Amino acid sequence: MNSPHDPAPAPDSFVASRGADWITTPLTPERAADLLRGALEVERTEHGVLPHRLPARARVQCADEQLARAEAQPSGVRLVLRTRATTIELDALRTKMGYHGAPPRPDGVYDLLVDGALTRQAGVHGGNVLMMDMTTGTTETVPGPVGTVRFAGLPDRMKDVEIWLPHNEITELVALRTDAPVEPVPDRGRKVWLHHGSSISHGSDAVSPTAIWPALAASLGGVELINLGLSGSALLDPFTARALRDTPADMISVKIGINIVNADLMRLRAFGPAVHGFLDTIREGHPATPLLVVSPILCPIHEDTPGPAAPDFGDISEGRLRFAAMGDPAERATGKLTLGVIRDELSRIVKQRAADDTHIHYLDGRELYGRADHAELPLPDELHPDAATHRLMGERFAALAFGSGGPFASENRS
């Protein structure tokens, strides 16, 4: 598949300086954008560049700190390059989350793929820590230095290399060094899957960036992923709908519901029209693209009990945090939302729209994770799936969506 000849000379835009053994590839916004996939925008910073998963026009329309952190965490974002290099170094400044009274969170992981196969994993030391007081919601940043992730001993041949950035750490890219020239990977003709969802789609408790369920599903489906899974922020925001509308894609999925319930954001009267408006906006830019609406996976605390969800700090000193539903099931009569109510409404909306839109489809999230799965793989904090469940969901989504007869099967793609 890969020819053994030497690469063509790298363009001047990709080689800035050459040391005794190193070639430095500049990471300006324009040049980094040629090597990055999965980001909608690249911002110049004091240290280098910061990939964003929402464009600036969306970011300025919401002052929510959680959304700002979520979209700047590069879930699904990767550097993709073609090179003969046997050693690659990437300087990066991370910002990781920390919680007062809890043990430090595990470091983010960089996954390195060679010709599509996971070959190395490493992390970056130093960086900033954004400390949060979960009882008050206040934060403070403890600054730290730029770190370096190093991958050595790579095959001495031309190869496609992907460096998947940590899905759960804000990552500023500072410098890229290699012992051979790099160039952008040419377009391989793979279709683009654009996905939006909550923290579960963002990656929640997955162990590494290629182990989040959308990345696993994309790999199995043979497609390029753009992941707009936004932790705590799948809230039917119009600016997110416009980002989906304006992003080129061959297939689109939107996973809706859990954040609406656990934020206690709206009532049934507002939810239905908000979903219609969200889908209408997407359709303005993608009138005939396969569009899959996915309802929430099973979450027992919210199946019949409305939100909001609140953390239980009883075991936080041991690194364990659980969530509980604080609503009253009787409040469903006044329009409060539960996951059961949301699934019924999404199914109704998609069925209604399908009368005029033959490219819209519905998937009950419990087909990805349901009651039998919960008995075997319970949600550790009552809200988020663990690593094994991410794999299960990725495999099932790939089979249901990309498999024969699925809405994203090759015969249905635009």
Protein backbone atom coordinates (compact mmCIF):
# COMPACT_ATOMS: atom_id res chain seq x y z
CA MET A 1 0.00 0.00 0.00
CA ASN A 2 2.88 2.39 0.80
CA SER A 3 5.61 2.86 -1.79
CA PRO A 4 9.19 2.57 -0.54
CA HIS A 5 10.56 5.61 -2.38
CA ASP A 6 11.66 8.77 -0.61
CA PRO A 7 9.04 11.47 -0.10
CA ALA A 8 8.84 14.50 -2.32
CA PRO A 9 10.63 17.51 -0.85
CA ALA A 10 8.46 19.03 1.87
CA PRO A 11 6.96 22.42 0.95
CA ASP A 12 8.62 25.47 2.48
CA SER A 13 5.49 26.04 4.53
CA PHE A 14 6.19 22.85 6.46
CA VAL A 15 9.93 23.13 7.15
CA ALA A 16 11.00 26.13 9.19
CA SER A 17 14.35 25.08 10.65
CA ARG A 18 16.66 22.10 10.66
CA GLY A 19 18.95 21.24 13.54
CA ALA A 20 21.68 18.63 13.53
CA ASP A 21 19.10 15.83 13.74
CA TRP A 22 15.74 17.59 13.75
CA ILE A 23 13.35 19.26 11.36
CA THR A 24 10.94 21.69 12.99
CA THR A 25 7.53 22.07 11.40
CA PRO A 26 5.98 25.44 12.26
CA LEU A 27 2.60 25.31 13.95
CA THR A 28 0.99 28.54 12.83
CA PRO A 29 -2.79 28.49 12.50
CA GLU A 30 -2.62 28.27 8.71
CA ARG A 31 0.01 25.55 8.61
CA ALA A 32 -1.33 23.56 11.55
CA ALA A 33 -4.74 23.50 9.90
CA ASP A 34 -3.22 21.53 7.01
CA LEU A 35 -2.10 18.83 9.46
CA LEU A 36 -5.08 18.83 11.82
CA ARG A 37 -8.27 16.87 11.37
CA GLY A 38 -11.34 17.04 13.57
CA ALA A 39 -10.98 20.73 14.48
CA LEU A 40 -13.26 23.40 13.06
CA GLU A 41 -10.87 26.25 13.79
CA VAL A 42 -7.30 26.91 14.98
CA GLU A 43 -6.48 29.89 17.20
CA ARG A 44 -3.06 31.48 17.63
CA THR A 45 -2.07 31.69 21.31
CA GLU A 46 0.86 33.01 23.31
CA HIS A 47 2.53 29.60 23.15
CA GLY A 48 1.43 28.20 19.80
CA VAL A 49 -1.96 27.18 18.45
CA LEU A 50 -5.16 25.94 20.09
CA PRO A 51 -7.56 23.67 18.17
CA HIS A 52 -11.23 24.51 18.63
CA ARG A 53 -14.25 22.31 17.95
CA LEU A 54 -16.60 25.26 17.68
CA PRO A 55 -15.92 28.34 15.53
CA ALA A 56 -15.34 31.76 17.07
CA ARG A 57 -18.78 33.02 16.03
CA ALA A 58 -20.28 30.24 18.15
CA ARG A 59 -17.95 30.71 21.10
CA VAL A 60 -18.78 34.40 21.50
CA GLN A 61 -22.49 33.64 21.78
CA CYS A 62 -22.21 31.72 25.04
CA ALA A 63 -20.36 32.72 28.21
CA ASP A 64 -20.72 29.27 29.80
CA GLU A 65 -17.37 28.12 31.21
CA GLN A 66 -18.17 24.44 30.87
CA LEU A 67 -18.87 24.82 27.16
CA ALA A 68 -15.66 26.83 26.73
CA ARG A 69 -13.65 24.04 28.35
CA ALA A 70 -15.46 21.28 26.49
CA GLU A 71 -15.08 22.65 22.98
CA ALA A 72 -11.38 23.39 23.57
CA GLN A 73 -10.71 19.83 24.71
CA PRO A 74 -9.71 18.20 21.40
CA SER A 75 -11.88 15.10 21.41
CA GLY A 76 -11.41 13.45 18.03
CA VAL A 77 -8.76 15.98 16.96
CA ARG A 78 -5.55 14.55 15.53
CA LEU A 79 -2.38 15.61 13.73
CA VAL A 80 -2.14 13.65 10.50
CA LEU A 81 1.10 13.61 8.53
CA ARG A 82 3.05 11.56 6.02
CA THR A 83 6.69 10.98 6.87
CA ARG A 84 9.63 8.61 7.04
CA ALA A 85 10.51 9.90 10.52
CA THR A 86 11.47 7.34 13.15
CA THR A 87 11.22 9.83 16.02
CA ILE A 88 8.57 12.50 16.55
CA GLU A 89 8.43 15.06 19.34
CA LEU A 90 5.49 17.32 20.07
CA ASP A 91 5.71 20.19 22.56
CA ALA A 92 2.34 20.96 24.09
CA LEU A 93 0.87 22.98 26.94
CA ARG A 94 -2.00 21.11 28.50
CA THR A 95 -4.70 22.33 30.83
CA LYS A 96 -6.15 19.46 32.84
CA MET A 97 -8.98 19.46 35.34
CA GLY A 98 -8.51 19.01 39.07
CA TYR A 99 -11.03 18.96 41.90
CA HIS A 100 -10.53 20.24 45.44
CA GLY A 101 -10.66 17.39 47.93
CA ALA A 102 -10.16 14.70 45.30
CA PRO A 103 -7.04 12.83 44.14
CA PRO A 104 -5.40 14.13 40.93
CA ARG A 105 -7.08 12.98 37.74
CA PRO A 106 -5.15 10.65 35.41
CA ASP A 107 -3.02 12.35 32.80
CA GLY A 108 -4.38 12.65 29.28
CA VAL A 109 -3.12 10.18 26.70
CA TYR A 110 -1.74 10.77 23.20
CA ASP A 111 -2.41 7.89 20.82
CA LEU A 112 -0.05 7.43 17.86
CA LEU A 113 -1.30 5.45 14.89
CA VAL A 114 0.91 4.23 12.04
CA ASP A 115 -1.02 3.43 8.87
CA GLY A 116 -4.18 3.17 10.95
CA ALA A 117 -2.81 0.88 13.68
CA LEU A 118 -2.34 2.02 17.28
CA THR A 119 1.42 1.84 17.80
CA ARG A 120 2.39 4.04 20.75
CA GLN A 121 0.80 5.85 23.69
CA ALA A 122 2.38 8.60 25.78
CA GLY A 123 1.59 11.69 27.83
CA VAL A 124 2.79 15.22 28.52
CA HIS A 125 4.01 16.39 31.92
CA GLY A 126 3.75 19.90 33.31
CA GLY A 127 1.03 22.18 32.06
CA ASN A 128 -1.76 24.03 33.80
CA VAL A 129 -4.28 22.61 36.26
CA LEU A 130 -7.75 24.11 36.35
CA MET A 131 -8.86 23.45 39.93
CA MET A 132 -12.61 23.36 40.54
CA ASP A 133 -14.52 23.51 43.78
CA MET A 134 -17.46 21.20 43.06
CA THR A 135 -19.49 22.62 45.93
CA THR A 136 -19.39 26.19 44.61
CA GLY A 137 -18.51 25.78 40.92
CA THR A 138 -15.61 28.25 41.24
CA THR A 139 -12.30 27.61 39.49
CA GLU A 140 -8.70 28.75 39.68
CA THR A 141 -5.81 28.00 37.31
CA VAL A 142 -2.49 26.75 38.65
CA PRO A 143 0.04 27.47 35.88
CA GLY A 144 2.70 25.05 34.71
CA PRO A 145 5.31 24.64 31.95
CA VAL A 146 5.15 23.31 28.41
CA GLY A 147 5.83 19.56 28.17
CA THR A 148 6.97 17.20 25.44
CA VAL A 149 5.53 13.93 24.18
CA ARG A 150 8.04 11.74 22.34
CA PHE A 151 7.49 8.77 20.04
CA ALA A 152 10.65 6.88 19.04
CA GLY A 153 11.47 3.67 17.22
CA LEU A 154 8.92 4.16 14.45
CA PRO A 155 9.27 2.21 11.19
CA ASP A 156 11.89 3.65 8.83
CA ARG A 157 9.63 3.89 5.78
CA MET A 158 7.07 6.22 4.32
CA LYS A 159 3.93 6.00 6.44
CA ASP A 160 0.82 7.85 7.49
CA VAL A 161 1.07 8.94 11.12
CA GLU A 162 -1.81 10.17 13.27
CA ILE A 163 -1.30 11.72 16.71
CA TRP A 164 -4.67 11.80 18.48
CA LEU A 165 -4.71 14.52 21.12
CA PRO A 166 -6.09 13.84 24.62
CA HIS A 167 -9.88 14.03 24.53
CA ASN A 168 -10.06 15.37 28.08
CA GLU A 169 -7.30 18.02 28.25
CA ILE A 170 -7.20 21.44 26.59
CA THR A 171 -4.08 21.17 24.43
CA GLU A 172 -2.07 24.05 22.97
CA LEU A 173 0.34 22.81 20.30
CA VAL A 174 3.72 24.53 20.60
CA ALA A 175 6.24 22.76 18.34
CA LEU A 176 6.55 19.66 16.15
CA ARG A 177 9.96 18.09 15.56
CA THR A 178 10.86 15.06 13.44
CA ASP A 179 14.03 13.42 12.14
CA ALA A 180 12.68 13.43 8.57
CA PRO A 181 10.45 15.81 6.58
CA VAL A 182 6.68 15.73 7.00
CA GLU A 183 3.92 16.54 4.56
CA PRO A 184 0.13 16.55 4.72
CA VAL A 185 -1.55 13.23 4.00
CA PRO A 186 -3.35 13.39 0.66
CA ASP A 187 -7.10 12.99 0.55
CA ARG A 188 -7.86 9.25 0.61
CA GLY A 189 -11.48 9.76 -0.39
CA ARG A 190 -12.89 8.65 2.96
CA LYS A 191 -16.33 9.97 3.82
CA VAL A 192 -16.75 12.42 6.73
CA TRP A 193 -18.99 11.61 9.69
CA LEU A 194 -20.02 14.65 11.75
CA HIS A 195 -21.33 13.76 15.21
CA HIS A 196 -22.75 15.82 18.07
CA GLY A 197 -23.56 14.64 21.58
CA SER A 198 -22.91 15.00 25.31
CA SER A 199 -20.00 14.02 27.57
CA ILE A 200 -20.59 10.40 26.60
CA SER A 201 -19.80 11.30 22.98
CA HIS A 202 -17.02 13.60 24.18
CA GLY A 203 -15.32 10.60 25.79
CA SER A 204 -16.30 10.67 29.50
CA ASP A 205 -14.25 7.89 31.15
CA ALA A 206 -12.65 6.35 28.06
CA VAL A 207 -8.98 5.50 28.58
CA SER A 208 -7.57 7.23 25.49
CA PRO A 209 -8.70 9.38 22.55
CA THR A 210 -9.06 6.52 20.05
CA ALA A 211 -11.04 4.52 22.65
CA ILE A 212 -13.98 6.92 22.86
CA TRP A 213 -17.02 5.30 21.27
CA PRO A 214 -17.29 7.69 18.27
CA ALA A 215 -13.62 7.12 17.39
CA LEU A 216 -14.07 3.36 17.62
CA ALA A 217 -17.20 3.50 15.47
CA ALA A 218 -15.47 5.71 12.89
CA SER A 219 -12.54 3.31 12.66
CA LEU A 220 -14.85 0.33 12.18
CA GLY A 221 -16.93 2.27 9.66
CA GLY A 222 -13.92 3.45 7.67
CA VAL A 223 -14.85 7.14 7.90
CA GLU A 224 -13.23 10.40 9.01
CA LEU A 225 -14.64 11.63 12.33
CA ILE A 226 -15.47 15.20 13.32
CA ASN A 227 -16.61 14.90 16.92
CA LEU A 228 -18.73 17.69 18.37
CA GLY A 229 -19.43 15.76 21.53
CA LEU A 230 -19.47 18.56 24.10
CA SER A 231 -19.41 17.58 27.75
CA GLY A 232 -22.48 18.90 29.55
CA SER A 233 -23.35 21.03 26.53
CA ALA A 234 -25.59 19.06 24.15
CA LEU A 235 -28.35 21.55 24.86
CA LEU A 236 -29.86 22.26 21.43
CA ASP A 237 -27.98 25.56 21.24
CA PRO A 238 -28.62 27.38 17.95
CA PHE A 239 -24.91 28.18 17.51
CA THR A 240 -24.10 24.45 17.69
CA ALA A 241 -26.75 23.76 15.05
CA ARG A 242 -25.18 26.42 12.83
CA ALA A 243 -21.74 24.84 13.30
CA LEU A 244 -23.19 21.51 12.16
CA ARG A 245 -24.94 23.25 9.26
CA ASP A 246 -21.74 24.91 8.03
CA THR A 247 -19.37 21.94 8.38
CA PRO A 248 -18.95 19.78 5.26
CA ALA A 249 -20.02 16.21 5.98
CA ASP A 250 -21.25 13.09 4.22
CA MET A 251 -23.30 11.86 7.19
CA ILE A 252 -24.46 13.50 10.42
CA SER A 253 -25.67 12.18 13.78
CA VAL A 254 -27.01 14.09 16.76
CA LYS A 255 -27.38 12.40 20.14
CA ILE A 256 -29.90 14.38 22.14
CA GLY A 257 -31.38 14.18 25.61
CA ILE A 258 -29.24 13.43 28.63
CA ASN A 259 -27.93 16.98 29.12
CA ILE A 260 -31.41 18.42 28.65
CA VAL A 261 -32.62 16.25 31.55
CA ASN A 262 -29.69 16.49 33.94
CA ALA A 263 -29.54 20.27 33.52
CA ASP A 264 -33.33 20.49 33.94
CA LEU A 265 -33.12 22.91 31.06
CA MET A 266 -36.60 22.94 29.53
CA ARG A 267 -40.06 21.46 29.60
CA LEU A 268 -41.80 19.31 27.00
CA ARG A 269 -43.54 22.33 25.46
CA ALA A 270 -40.15 23.90 24.61
CA PHE A 271 -38.29 20.68 23.84
CA GLY A 272 -40.21 19.61 20.74
CA PRO A 273 -39.97 22.94 18.89
CA ALA A 274 -36.30 23.26 19.94
CA VAL A 275 -35.52 19.89 18.37
CA HIS A 276 -37.35 20.87 15.19
CA GLY A 277 -35.43 24.16 15.05
CA PHE A 278 -32.11 22.40 15.61
CA LEU A 279 -32.81 19.93 12.80
CA ASP A 280 -34.16 22.68 10.51
CA THR A 281 -30.90 24.58 10.88
CA ILE A 282 -28.80 21.50 10.06
CA ARG A 283 -30.96 20.86 7.01
CA GLU A 284 -30.28 24.39 5.71
CA GLY A 285 -26.72 23.28 4.95
CA HIS A 286 -27.30 19.55 4.47
CA PRO A 287 -30.70 19.14 2.83
CA ALA A 288 -30.19 15.52 1.73
CA THR A 289 -27.32 14.26 3.90
CA PRO A 290 -28.13 11.12 5.92
CA LEU A 291 -29.12 12.45 9.36
CA LEU A 292 -29.42 10.13 12.33
CA VAL A 293 -31.17 11.28 15.52
CA VAL A 294 -30.01 9.20 18.50
CA SER A 295 -31.88 9.19 21.78
CA PRO A 296 -30.15 8.68 25.16
CA ILE A 297 -28.60 5.41 26.26
CA LEU A 298 -30.03 3.82 29.38
CA CYS A 299 -29.42 5.87 32.51
CA PRO A 300 -31.53 4.44 35.36
CA ILE A 301 -31.45 7.53 37.57
CA HIS A 302 -33.17 9.58 34.86
CA GLU A 303 -35.36 7.03 33.08
CA ASP A 304 -38.45 8.10 34.99
CA THR A 305 -37.11 10.81 37.30
CA PRO A 306 -36.54 14.36 36.04
CA GLY A 307 -33.43 16.39 36.71
CA PRO A 308 -31.50 18.20 37.75
CA ALA A 309 -28.66 15.79 38.44
CA ALA A 310 -26.50 16.61 41.42
CA PRO A 311 -23.15 15.17 42.52
CA ASP A 312 -22.82 13.13 45.69
CA PHE A 313 -19.50 14.04 47.33
CA GLY A 314 -19.50 11.20 49.86
CA ASP A 315 -16.58 9.32 48.27
CA ILE A 316 -14.81 12.17 46.47
CA SER A 317 -11.76 11.97 48.75
CA GLU A 318 -11.22 8.46 47.39
CA GLY A 319 -11.65 9.65 43.80
CA ARG A 320 -15.22 8.39 43.46
CA LEU A 321 -18.09 10.66 42.52
CA ARG A 322 -21.70 9.67 41.92
CA PHE A 323 -24.70 11.53 40.61
CA ALA A 324 -28.32 11.44 41.70
CA ALA A 325 -31.54 12.68 40.11
CA MET A 326 -33.12 15.41 42.21
CA GLY A 327 -36.50 15.73 40.49
CA ASP A 328 -39.83 14.15 41.39
CA PRO A 329 -41.38 11.60 38.98
CA ALA A 330 -44.76 13.22 39.60
CA GLU A 331 -43.46 16.37 37.89
CA ARG A 332 -43.72 14.66 34.50
CA ALA A 333 -47.39 15.63 34.58
CA THR A 334 -46.37 19.30 34.46
CA GLY A 335 -44.02 18.81 31.52
CA LYS A 336 -40.75 17.97 33.22
CA LEU A 337 -38.53 15.80 31.07
CA THR A 338 -37.22 12.31 31.71
CA LEU A 339 -35.28 10.09 29.34
CA GLY A 340 -38.44 8.07 28.67
CA VAL A 341 -40.35 11.21 27.71
CA ILE A 342 -37.50 12.40 25.51
CA ARG A 343 -37.24 9.10 23.63
CA ASP A 344 -40.96 9.15 22.89
CA GLU A 345 -40.78 12.74 21.66
CA LEU A 346 -37.69 12.20 19.48
CA SER A 347 -39.25 9.12 17.92
CA ARG A 348 -42.42 11.09 17.18
CA ILE A 349 -40.51 14.04 15.70
CA VAL A 350 -38.38 11.90 13.42
CA LYS A 351 -41.40 9.92 12.24
CA GLN A 352 -43.21 13.18 11.48
CA ARG A 353 -40.27 14.67 9.58
CA ALA A 354 -39.58 11.45 7.68
CA ALA A 355 -42.81 11.95 5.77
CA ASP A 356 -41.05 14.74 3.85
CA ASP A 357 -37.40 13.86 4.55
CA THR A 358 -36.42 10.38 3.42
CA HIS A 359 -32.85 10.86 4.68
CA ILE A 360 -33.67 11.28 8.39
CA HIS A 361 -33.48 8.28 10.72
CA TYR A 362 -33.96 7.48 14.41
CA LEU A 363 -31.93 5.22 16.70
CA ASP A 364 -33.05 4.37 20.23
CA GLY A 365 -29.95 4.84 22.37
CA ARG A 366 -30.81 1.74 24.38
CA GLU A 367 -29.74 -0.29 21.36
CA LEU A 368 -26.23 0.96 22.15
CA TYR A 369 -26.54 0.40 25.91
CA GLY A 370 -29.66 -1.02 27.52
CA ARG A 371 -30.92 -2.78 30.64
CA ALA A 372 -29.11 -6.07 30.03
CA ASP A 373 -25.88 -4.14 29.47
CA HIS A 374 -26.38 -2.15 32.67
CA ALA A 375 -26.67 -5.37 34.65
CA GLU A 376 -23.26 -6.44 33.36
CA LEU A 377 -21.56 -3.04 32.95
CA PRO A 378 -23.18 -0.55 35.36
CA LEU A 379 -22.42 3.15 34.98
CA PRO A 380 -19.71 3.76 37.62
CA ASP A 381 -20.99 7.21 38.61
CA GLU A 382 -24.63 6.54 37.59
CA LEU A 383 -24.22 8.80 34.55
CA HIS A 384 -21.14 8.02 32.43
CA PRO A 385 -20.01 4.76 30.78
CA ASP A 386 -16.63 3.19 31.51
CA ALA A 387 -14.00 2.06 29.00
CA ALA A 388 -15.61 -1.31 28.32
CA THR A 389 -18.96 0.33 27.63
CA HIS A 390 -17.37 2.80 25.22
CA ARG A 391 -16.08 -0.17 23.22
CA LEU A 392 -19.47 -1.85 23.32
CA MET A 393 -21.20 1.32 22.13
CA GLY A 394 -18.68 1.93 19.36
CA GLU A 395 -19.03 -1.59 18.02
CA ARG A 396 -22.81 -1.48 18.14
CA PHE A 397 -23.07 1.94 16.52
CA ALA A 398 -20.77 0.82 13.71
CA ALA A 399 -22.92 -2.23 13.06
CA LEU A 400 -26.23 -0.35 13.26
CA ALA A 401 -25.23 2.80 11.38
CA PHE A 402 -22.47 1.77 8.97
CA GLY A 403 -23.47 -1.84 8.45
CA SER A 404 -25.59 -3.16 5.62
CA GLY A 405 -28.99 -1.51 5.65
CA GLY A 406 -27.90 1.15 8.15
CA PRO A 407 -28.50 4.86 7.55
CA PHE A 408 -24.77 5.43 6.96
CA ALA A 409 -24.19 2.32 4.83
CA SER A 410 -22.21 3.05 1.69
CA GLU A 411 -25.30 2.91 -0.51
CA ASN A 412 -26.96 5.71 1.52
CA ARG A 413 -24.04 8.13 1.69
CA SER A 414 -24.10 11.33 -0.34
